[in-house]
Amino acid sequence: MKTNTRFTTAVHILALLALNKKEANTSALLAKSVNTNPVVVRRILSMLKKANIVDSKPGVKGVTLKRGPLTISLLEIYDAVKSPSDTFFPLHKNPSKECFIGANIHSALYDPLKEASQAAEKILSKYSLKDITRPITKKELLRVSRFVFN
């Protein structure tokens, strides 16, 4: 089973955009921090741009936040990068219809998982990108920047 990491990758990218004021935030730089391919970063940035969270400038200027970190909720980021089939608690596919449990497990899980998803969305709406960047101290940013920006 593969877990979708677009959301946490997007938060990572946005935290770097919020904190890195010295360098141009290119997809190559962001990919180095996330430790992934720049194509993955560009795909996520495209989703974030469509959601009006980031802006990209041609050439060396790179990517910037369109709004301040305090105004960007984690739920907004989640909604920006999720696909229509994404849910917080995905059901396993194709349980046996011949088995009594398999034939009924999805409908039995529907209400609890719907309630849990709504609770997760409510919690994500309470946190902003600023809440994520706040614990990252200048000392930590300097330590990390030696890795990312060199």
N, C-alpha and C. Protein backbone atom coordinates (compact mmCIF):
# COMPACT_ATOMS: atom_id res chain seq x y z
N MET A 1 0.83 -1.18 0.00
CA MET A 1 0.00 0.00 0.00
C MET A 1 0.88 1.25 0.00
N LYS A 2 0.55 2.17 -0.87
CA LYS A 2 1.31 3.41 -1.00
C LYS A 2 0.52 4.56 -0.37
N THR A 3 1.17 5.33 0.46
CA THR A 3 0.55 6.50 1.05
C THR A 3 0.87 7.72 0.22
N ASN A 4 -0.12 8.54 -0.03
CA ASN A 4 0.08 9.74 -0.81
C ASN A 4 0.80 10.79 0.05
N THR A 5 1.90 11.30 -0.45
CA THR A 5 2.68 12.28 0.31
C THR A 5 2.65 13.67 -0.33
N ARG A 6 1.75 13.89 -1.29
CA ARG A 6 1.67 15.22 -1.93
C ARG A 6 1.44 16.32 -0.90
N PHE A 7 0.55 16.06 0.07
CA PHE A 7 0.23 17.08 1.06
C PHE A 7 1.46 17.47 1.88
N THR A 8 2.13 16.50 2.46
CA THR A 8 3.29 16.83 3.30
C THR A 8 4.43 17.41 2.47
N THR A 9 4.56 16.96 1.23
CA THR A 9 5.57 17.55 0.34
C THR A 9 5.22 19.00 0.05
N ALA A 10 3.94 19.28 -0.19
CA ALA A 10 3.51 20.65 -0.46
C ALA A 10 3.77 21.55 0.74
N VAL A 11 3.49 21.06 1.95
CA VAL A 11 3.75 21.85 3.16
C VAL A 11 5.25 22.12 3.29
N HIS A 12 6.07 21.12 3.01
CA HIS A 12 7.53 21.27 3.05
C HIS A 12 7.96 22.39 2.08
N ILE A 13 7.47 22.31 0.86
CA ILE A 13 7.81 23.31 -0.16
C ILE A 13 7.38 24.70 0.29
N LEU A 14 6.16 24.82 0.78
CA LEU A 14 5.65 26.13 1.20
C LEU A 14 6.38 26.67 2.41
N ALA A 15 6.80 25.80 3.32
CA ALA A 15 7.59 26.25 4.47
C ALA A 15 8.92 26.83 4.00
N LEU A 16 9.53 26.19 3.03
CA LEU A 16 10.78 26.70 2.48
C LEU A 16 10.56 28.05 1.79
N LEU A 17 9.48 28.17 1.04
CA LEU A 17 9.17 29.45 0.39
C LEU A 17 8.96 30.55 1.42
N ALA A 18 8.31 30.20 2.53
CA ALA A 18 8.04 31.19 3.57
C ALA A 18 9.30 31.64 4.28
N LEU A 19 10.26 30.73 4.44
CA LEU A 19 11.45 31.04 5.23
C LEU A 19 12.67 31.46 4.42
N ASN A 20 12.74 31.08 3.18
CA ASN A 20 13.92 31.39 2.37
C ASN A 20 13.72 32.71 1.63
N LYS A 21 14.32 33.73 2.18
CA LYS A 21 14.22 35.07 1.57
C LYS A 21 15.49 35.46 0.81
N LYS A 22 16.54 34.64 0.95
CA LYS A 22 17.83 35.01 0.37
C LYS A 22 18.04 34.47 -1.04
N GLU A 23 17.52 33.32 -1.31
CA GLU A 23 17.77 32.64 -2.59
C GLU A 23 16.52 32.64 -3.45
N ALA A 24 16.72 32.49 -4.76
CA ALA A 24 15.59 32.27 -5.65
C ALA A 24 15.09 30.85 -5.43
N ASN A 25 13.82 30.72 -5.21
CA ASN A 25 13.24 29.41 -4.92
C ASN A 25 12.86 28.70 -6.22
N THR A 26 13.83 28.08 -6.82
CA THR A 26 13.61 27.35 -8.07
C THR A 26 13.15 25.93 -7.75
N SER A 27 12.58 25.26 -8.74
CA SER A 27 12.15 23.87 -8.51
C SER A 27 13.34 22.98 -8.18
N ALA A 28 14.50 23.29 -8.71
CA ALA A 28 15.70 22.49 -8.40
C ALA A 28 16.09 22.65 -6.93
N LEU A 29 16.03 23.88 -6.42
CA LEU A 29 16.36 24.13 -5.02
C LEU A 29 15.32 23.46 -4.11
N LEU A 30 14.05 23.62 -4.43
CA LEU A 30 12.99 23.01 -3.63
C LEU A 30 13.11 21.49 -3.65
N ALA A 31 13.41 20.93 -4.81
CA ALA A 31 13.56 19.48 -4.93
C ALA A 31 14.72 18.97 -4.09
N LYS A 32 15.78 19.75 -4.02
CA LYS A 32 16.94 19.35 -3.20
C LYS A 32 16.54 19.27 -1.73
N SER A 33 15.75 20.22 -1.27
CA SER A 33 15.32 20.20 0.12
C SER A 33 14.37 19.04 0.41
N VAL A 34 13.44 18.80 -0.51
CA VAL A 34 12.47 17.72 -0.33
C VAL A 34 13.12 16.35 -0.59
N ASN A 35 14.23 16.37 -1.31
CA ASN A 35 14.93 15.15 -1.71
C ASN A 35 14.09 14.34 -2.70
N THR A 36 13.67 15.05 -3.74
CA THR A 36 12.89 14.43 -4.80
C THR A 36 13.28 15.04 -6.14
N ASN A 37 12.65 14.57 -7.18
CA ASN A 37 12.91 15.06 -8.53
C ASN A 37 12.22 16.41 -8.73
N PRO A 38 12.87 17.36 -9.42
CA PRO A 38 12.23 18.66 -9.68
C PRO A 38 10.89 18.55 -10.41
N VAL A 39 10.70 17.49 -11.18
CA VAL A 39 9.42 17.30 -11.87
C VAL A 39 8.29 17.12 -10.85
N VAL A 40 8.55 16.39 -9.78
CA VAL A 40 7.56 16.20 -8.72
C VAL A 40 7.22 17.56 -8.10
N VAL A 41 8.23 18.35 -7.82
CA VAL A 41 8.03 19.67 -7.24
C VAL A 41 7.23 20.56 -8.20
N ARG A 42 7.56 20.54 -9.48
CA ARG A 42 6.83 21.37 -10.45
C ARG A 42 5.36 20.97 -10.53
N ARG A 43 5.07 19.67 -10.45
CA ARG A 43 3.67 19.22 -10.46
C ARG A 43 2.91 19.78 -9.26
N ILE A 44 3.53 19.70 -8.10
CA ILE A 44 2.88 20.22 -6.88
C ILE A 44 2.75 21.73 -6.94
N LEU A 45 3.78 22.40 -7.43
CA LEU A 45 3.72 23.86 -7.56
C LEU A 45 2.60 24.28 -8.51
N SER A 46 2.39 23.51 -9.54
CA SER A 46 1.31 23.80 -10.49
C SER A 46 -0.05 23.75 -9.78
N MET A 47 -0.23 22.74 -8.93
CA MET A 47 -1.48 22.63 -8.16
C MET A 47 -1.63 23.81 -7.19
N LEU A 48 -0.53 24.19 -6.55
CA LEU A 48 -0.56 25.29 -5.59
C LEU A 48 -0.79 26.63 -6.29
N LYS A 49 -0.29 26.76 -7.50
CA LYS A 49 -0.52 27.98 -8.27
C LYS A 49 -1.99 28.07 -8.68
N LYS A 50 -2.54 26.96 -9.11
CA LYS A 50 -3.96 26.93 -9.50
C LYS A 50 -4.85 27.30 -8.31
N ALA A 51 -4.43 26.95 -7.10
CA ALA A 51 -5.18 27.26 -5.88
C ALA A 51 -4.87 28.66 -5.35
N ASN A 52 -4.08 29.42 -6.09
CA ASN A 52 -3.76 30.81 -5.73
C ASN A 52 -2.94 30.93 -4.45
N ILE A 53 -2.07 29.93 -4.23
CA ILE A 53 -1.22 29.94 -3.04
C ILE A 53 0.19 30.42 -3.38
N VAL A 54 0.69 30.06 -4.56
CA VAL A 54 2.02 30.49 -4.98
C VAL A 54 1.94 31.22 -6.31
N ASP A 55 3.02 31.92 -6.59
CA ASP A 55 3.18 32.61 -7.87
C ASP A 55 4.56 32.26 -8.39
N SER A 56 4.68 32.07 -9.67
CA SER A 56 6.00 31.78 -10.24
C SER A 56 6.36 32.86 -11.23
N LYS A 57 7.62 33.22 -11.20
CA LYS A 57 8.16 34.23 -12.08
C LYS A 57 9.11 33.55 -13.06
N PRO A 58 9.00 33.88 -14.33
CA PRO A 58 9.93 33.28 -15.30
C PRO A 58 11.37 33.66 -14.98
N GLY A 59 12.25 32.75 -15.29
CA GLY A 59 13.67 33.03 -15.12
C GLY A 59 14.15 32.78 -13.71
N VAL A 60 15.03 33.64 -13.25
CA VAL A 60 15.77 33.42 -12.01
C VAL A 60 14.95 33.73 -10.76
N LYS A 61 13.86 34.45 -10.86
CA LYS A 61 13.12 34.87 -9.66
C LYS A 61 12.51 33.70 -8.90
N GLY A 62 12.16 32.65 -9.58
CA GLY A 62 11.65 31.46 -8.91
C GLY A 62 10.21 31.60 -8.44
N VAL A 63 9.88 30.83 -7.42
CA VAL A 63 8.52 30.74 -6.91
C VAL A 63 8.41 31.50 -5.60
N THR A 64 7.28 32.16 -5.39
CA THR A 64 7.04 32.90 -4.15
C THR A 64 5.64 32.59 -3.64
N LEU A 65 5.43 32.83 -2.34
CA LEU A 65 4.09 32.73 -1.78
C LEU A 65 3.27 33.91 -2.28
N LYS A 66 2.03 33.66 -2.59
CA LYS A 66 1.14 34.72 -3.05
C LYS A 66 0.56 35.49 -1.88
N ARG A 67 0.50 34.85 -0.72
CA ARG A 67 -0.04 35.47 0.49
C ARG A 67 0.88 35.13 1.66
N GLY A 68 0.65 35.78 2.76
CA GLY A 68 1.45 35.51 3.95
C GLY A 68 1.14 34.14 4.54
N PRO A 69 2.11 33.53 5.21
CA PRO A 69 1.94 32.20 5.79
C PRO A 69 0.79 32.10 6.79
N LEU A 70 0.46 33.20 7.45
CA LEU A 70 -0.63 33.19 8.43
C LEU A 70 -1.99 33.01 7.75
N THR A 71 -2.09 33.37 6.48
CA THR A 71 -3.38 33.31 5.77
C THR A 71 -3.57 32.02 4.97
N ILE A 72 -2.60 31.12 5.03
CA ILE A 72 -2.69 29.86 4.27
C ILE A 72 -2.90 28.72 5.26
N SER A 73 -4.09 28.12 5.23
CA SER A 73 -4.38 27.03 6.17
C SER A 73 -3.87 25.71 5.63
N LEU A 74 -3.62 24.78 6.53
CA LEU A 74 -3.20 23.45 6.11
C LEU A 74 -4.32 22.76 5.31
N LEU A 75 -5.56 23.06 5.64
CA LEU A 75 -6.67 22.48 4.88
C LEU A 75 -6.66 23.01 3.44
N GLU A 76 -6.37 24.28 3.27
CA GLU A 76 -6.28 24.85 1.93
C GLU A 76 -5.18 24.17 1.12
N ILE A 77 -4.06 23.88 1.76
CA ILE A 77 -2.96 23.19 1.09
C ILE A 77 -3.39 21.77 0.73
N TYR A 78 -4.02 21.09 1.68
CA TYR A 78 -4.50 19.73 1.43
C TYR A 78 -5.47 19.71 0.24
N ASP A 79 -6.42 20.62 0.26
CA ASP A 79 -7.41 20.69 -0.83
C ASP A 79 -6.75 21.00 -2.17
N ALA A 80 -5.68 21.79 -2.14
CA ALA A 80 -5.01 22.17 -3.39
C ALA A 80 -4.31 21.00 -4.07
N VAL A 81 -3.79 20.07 -3.29
CA VAL A 81 -2.97 19.01 -3.88
C VAL A 81 -3.63 17.63 -3.90
N LYS A 82 -4.81 17.52 -3.33
CA LYS A 82 -5.46 16.20 -3.34
C LYS A 82 -6.11 15.95 -4.70
N SER A 83 -6.18 14.70 -5.05
CA SER A 83 -6.90 14.33 -6.26
C SER A 83 -8.33 14.01 -5.86
N PRO A 84 -9.25 13.99 -6.82
CA PRO A 84 -10.65 13.73 -6.48
C PRO A 84 -10.87 12.42 -5.73
N SER A 85 -10.01 11.45 -5.93
CA SER A 85 -10.18 10.16 -5.27
C SER A 85 -9.50 10.09 -3.90
N ASP A 86 -8.75 11.12 -3.51
CA ASP A 86 -8.06 11.11 -2.22
C ASP A 86 -9.05 11.26 -1.06
N THR A 87 -8.83 10.48 -0.03
CA THR A 87 -9.55 10.63 1.23
C THR A 87 -8.54 10.43 2.35
N PHE A 88 -8.88 10.93 3.52
CA PHE A 88 -7.98 10.74 4.66
C PHE A 88 -7.82 9.27 5.00
N PHE A 89 -8.90 8.52 4.84
CA PHE A 89 -8.88 7.11 5.21
C PHE A 89 -9.38 6.28 4.02
N PRO A 90 -8.51 5.99 3.07
CA PRO A 90 -8.97 5.23 1.91
C PRO A 90 -9.34 3.80 2.28
N LEU A 91 -10.38 3.31 1.64
CA LEU A 91 -10.80 1.93 1.85
C LEU A 91 -9.96 1.01 0.98
N HIS A 92 -9.75 -0.21 1.46
CA HIS A 92 -9.04 -1.17 0.62
C HIS A 92 -9.95 -1.55 -0.54
N LYS A 93 -9.34 -1.81 -1.66
CA LYS A 93 -10.11 -2.07 -2.88
C LYS A 93 -10.51 -3.53 -2.98
N ASN A 94 -11.64 -3.74 -3.58
CA ASN A 94 -12.12 -5.06 -3.98
C ASN A 94 -12.15 -6.12 -2.89
N PRO A 95 -12.79 -5.86 -1.75
CA PRO A 95 -12.96 -6.96 -0.80
C PRO A 95 -13.87 -8.02 -1.43
N SER A 96 -13.74 -9.21 -1.00
CA SER A 96 -14.52 -10.30 -1.58
C SER A 96 -16.01 -10.09 -1.32
N LYS A 97 -16.79 -10.06 -2.38
CA LYS A 97 -18.25 -9.94 -2.25
C LYS A 97 -18.88 -11.26 -1.82
N GLU A 98 -18.11 -12.32 -1.92
CA GLU A 98 -18.60 -13.64 -1.51
C GLU A 98 -18.50 -13.84 0.00
N CYS A 99 -17.69 -13.01 0.63
CA CYS A 99 -17.51 -13.09 2.08
C CYS A 99 -18.50 -12.11 2.75
N PHE A 100 -19.12 -12.54 3.83
CA PHE A 100 -20.08 -11.70 4.54
C PHE A 100 -19.43 -10.38 4.99
N ILE A 101 -18.23 -10.46 5.52
CA ILE A 101 -17.51 -9.25 5.96
C ILE A 101 -17.14 -8.40 4.76
N GLY A 102 -16.52 -9.03 3.76
CA GLY A 102 -16.10 -8.31 2.57
C GLY A 102 -17.24 -7.60 1.87
N ALA A 103 -18.40 -8.20 1.85
CA ALA A 103 -19.56 -7.61 1.17
C ALA A 103 -20.12 -6.41 1.93
N ASN A 104 -19.79 -6.29 3.22
CA ASN A 104 -20.40 -5.24 4.04
C ASN A 104 -19.42 -4.26 4.68
N ILE A 105 -18.13 -4.51 4.56
CA ILE A 105 -17.15 -3.71 5.31
C ILE A 105 -17.16 -2.24 4.89
N HIS A 106 -17.27 -1.95 3.59
CA HIS A 106 -17.24 -0.55 3.15
C HIS A 106 -18.42 0.24 3.71
N SER A 107 -19.61 -0.33 3.64
CA SER A 107 -20.78 0.39 4.17
C SER A 107 -20.70 0.51 5.70
N ALA A 108 -20.14 -0.47 6.35
CA ALA A 108 -20.01 -0.42 7.81
C ALA A 108 -19.01 0.66 8.24
N LEU A 109 -17.99 0.89 7.43
CA LEU A 109 -16.97 1.90 7.76
C LEU A 109 -17.36 3.31 7.34
N TYR A 110 -18.37 3.45 6.50
CA TYR A 110 -18.70 4.74 5.91
C TYR A 110 -18.88 5.84 6.96
N ASP A 111 -19.78 5.66 7.91
CA ASP A 111 -20.06 6.72 8.90
C ASP A 111 -18.86 7.05 9.78
N PRO A 112 -18.18 6.04 10.37
CA PRO A 112 -17.02 6.40 11.21
C PRO A 112 -15.91 7.12 10.42
N LEU A 113 -15.66 6.68 9.19
CA LEU A 113 -14.59 7.31 8.41
C LEU A 113 -14.99 8.70 7.93
N LYS A 114 -16.27 8.89 7.62
CA LYS A 114 -16.74 10.22 7.24
C LYS A 114 -16.57 11.18 8.41
N GLU A 115 -16.95 10.74 9.61
CA GLU A 115 -16.82 11.56 10.80
C GLU A 115 -15.34 11.87 11.10
N ALA A 116 -14.50 10.88 10.96
CA ALA A 116 -13.06 11.08 11.19
C ALA A 116 -12.47 12.04 10.17
N SER A 117 -12.89 11.94 8.93
CA SER A 117 -12.41 12.85 7.88
C SER A 117 -12.83 14.29 8.18
N GLN A 118 -14.07 14.47 8.60
CA GLN A 118 -14.55 15.81 8.95
C GLN A 118 -13.76 16.38 10.12
N ALA A 119 -13.43 15.54 11.09
CA ALA A 119 -12.63 15.99 12.23
C ALA A 119 -11.22 16.39 11.77
N ALA A 120 -10.64 15.60 10.89
CA ALA A 120 -9.30 15.91 10.37
C ALA A 120 -9.32 17.24 9.62
N GLU A 121 -10.33 17.45 8.80
CA GLU A 121 -10.44 18.72 8.07
C GLU A 121 -10.59 19.90 9.03
N LYS A 122 -11.38 19.72 10.07
CA LYS A 122 -11.58 20.78 11.05
C LYS A 122 -10.25 21.14 11.72
N ILE A 123 -9.48 20.13 12.07
CA ILE A 123 -8.18 20.37 12.71
C ILE A 123 -7.22 21.06 11.73
N LEU A 124 -7.14 20.58 10.50
CA LEU A 124 -6.25 21.21 9.52
C LEU A 124 -6.63 22.67 9.25
N SER A 125 -7.91 22.98 9.33
CA SER A 125 -8.35 24.36 9.09
C SER A 125 -7.89 25.30 10.21
N LYS A 126 -7.58 24.77 11.38
CA LYS A 126 -7.15 25.58 12.52
C LYS A 126 -5.67 25.96 12.45
N TYR A 127 -4.91 25.25 11.62
CA TYR A 127 -3.47 25.49 11.54
C TYR A 127 -3.13 26.22 10.25
N SER A 128 -2.18 27.13 10.37
CA SER A 128 -1.71 27.86 9.19
C SER A 128 -0.27 27.44 8.87
N LEU A 129 0.18 27.85 7.71
CA LEU A 129 1.57 27.62 7.33
C LEU A 129 2.50 28.28 8.35
N LYS A 130 2.07 29.39 8.91
CA LYS A 130 2.87 30.08 9.94
C LYS A 130 3.08 29.17 11.16
N ASP A 131 2.06 28.38 11.51
CA ASP A 131 2.20 27.45 12.63
C ASP A 131 3.26 26.40 12.35
N ILE A 132 3.47 26.08 11.11
CA ILE A 132 4.48 25.08 10.73
C ILE A 132 5.87 25.71 10.72
N THR A 133 5.96 26.95 10.25
CA THR A 133 7.28 27.59 10.16
C THR A 133 7.76 28.16 11.49
N ARG A 134 6.83 28.47 12.38
CA ARG A 134 7.19 29.10 13.66
C ARG A 134 8.23 28.30 14.45
N PRO A 135 8.10 26.98 14.56
CA PRO A 135 9.09 26.23 15.36
C PRO A 135 10.48 26.14 14.73
N ILE A 136 10.57 26.50 13.47
CA ILE A 136 11.87 26.42 12.81
C ILE A 136 12.64 27.70 13.15
N THR A 137 13.58 27.56 14.04
CA THR A 137 14.32 28.73 14.51
C THR A 137 15.33 29.19 13.48
N LYS A 138 15.82 30.40 13.65
CA LYS A 138 16.85 30.92 12.74
C LYS A 138 18.09 30.04 12.78
N LYS A 139 18.41 29.55 13.96
CA LYS A 139 19.58 28.68 14.09
C LYS A 139 19.39 27.42 13.24
N GLU A 140 18.21 26.82 13.33
CA GLU A 140 17.93 25.64 12.52
C GLU A 140 17.94 25.97 11.05
N LEU A 141 17.35 27.11 10.69
CA LEU A 141 17.31 27.51 9.29
C LEU A 141 18.72 27.69 8.74
N LEU A 142 19.60 28.26 9.54
CA LEU A 142 20.99 28.43 9.09
C LEU A 142 21.67 27.08 8.92
N ARG A 143 21.43 26.16 9.86
CA ARG A 143 22.02 24.83 9.76
C ARG A 143 21.54 24.12 8.50
N VAL A 144 20.24 24.19 8.26
CA VAL A 144 19.66 23.53 7.10
C VAL A 144 20.10 24.23 5.82
N SER A 145 20.21 25.56 5.86
CA SER A 145 20.55 26.29 4.64
C SER A 145 21.94 25.92 4.13
N ARG A 146 22.81 25.53 5.02
CA ARG A 146 24.13 25.08 4.56
C ARG A 146 23.99 23.86 3.66
N PHE A 147 23.01 23.01 3.96
CA PHE A 147 22.76 21.84 3.12
C PHE A 147 22.00 22.22 1.85
N VAL A 148 20.91 22.93 2.02
CA VAL A 148 20.01 23.20 0.90
C VAL A 148 20.60 24.20 -0.08
N PHE A 149 21.20 25.25 0.40
CA PHE A 149 21.57 26.34 -0.47
C PHE A 149 23.03 26.32 -0.92
N ASN A 150 23.74 25.27 -0.61
CA ASN A 150 25.12 25.18 -1.08
C ASN A 150 25.25 24.15 -2.17
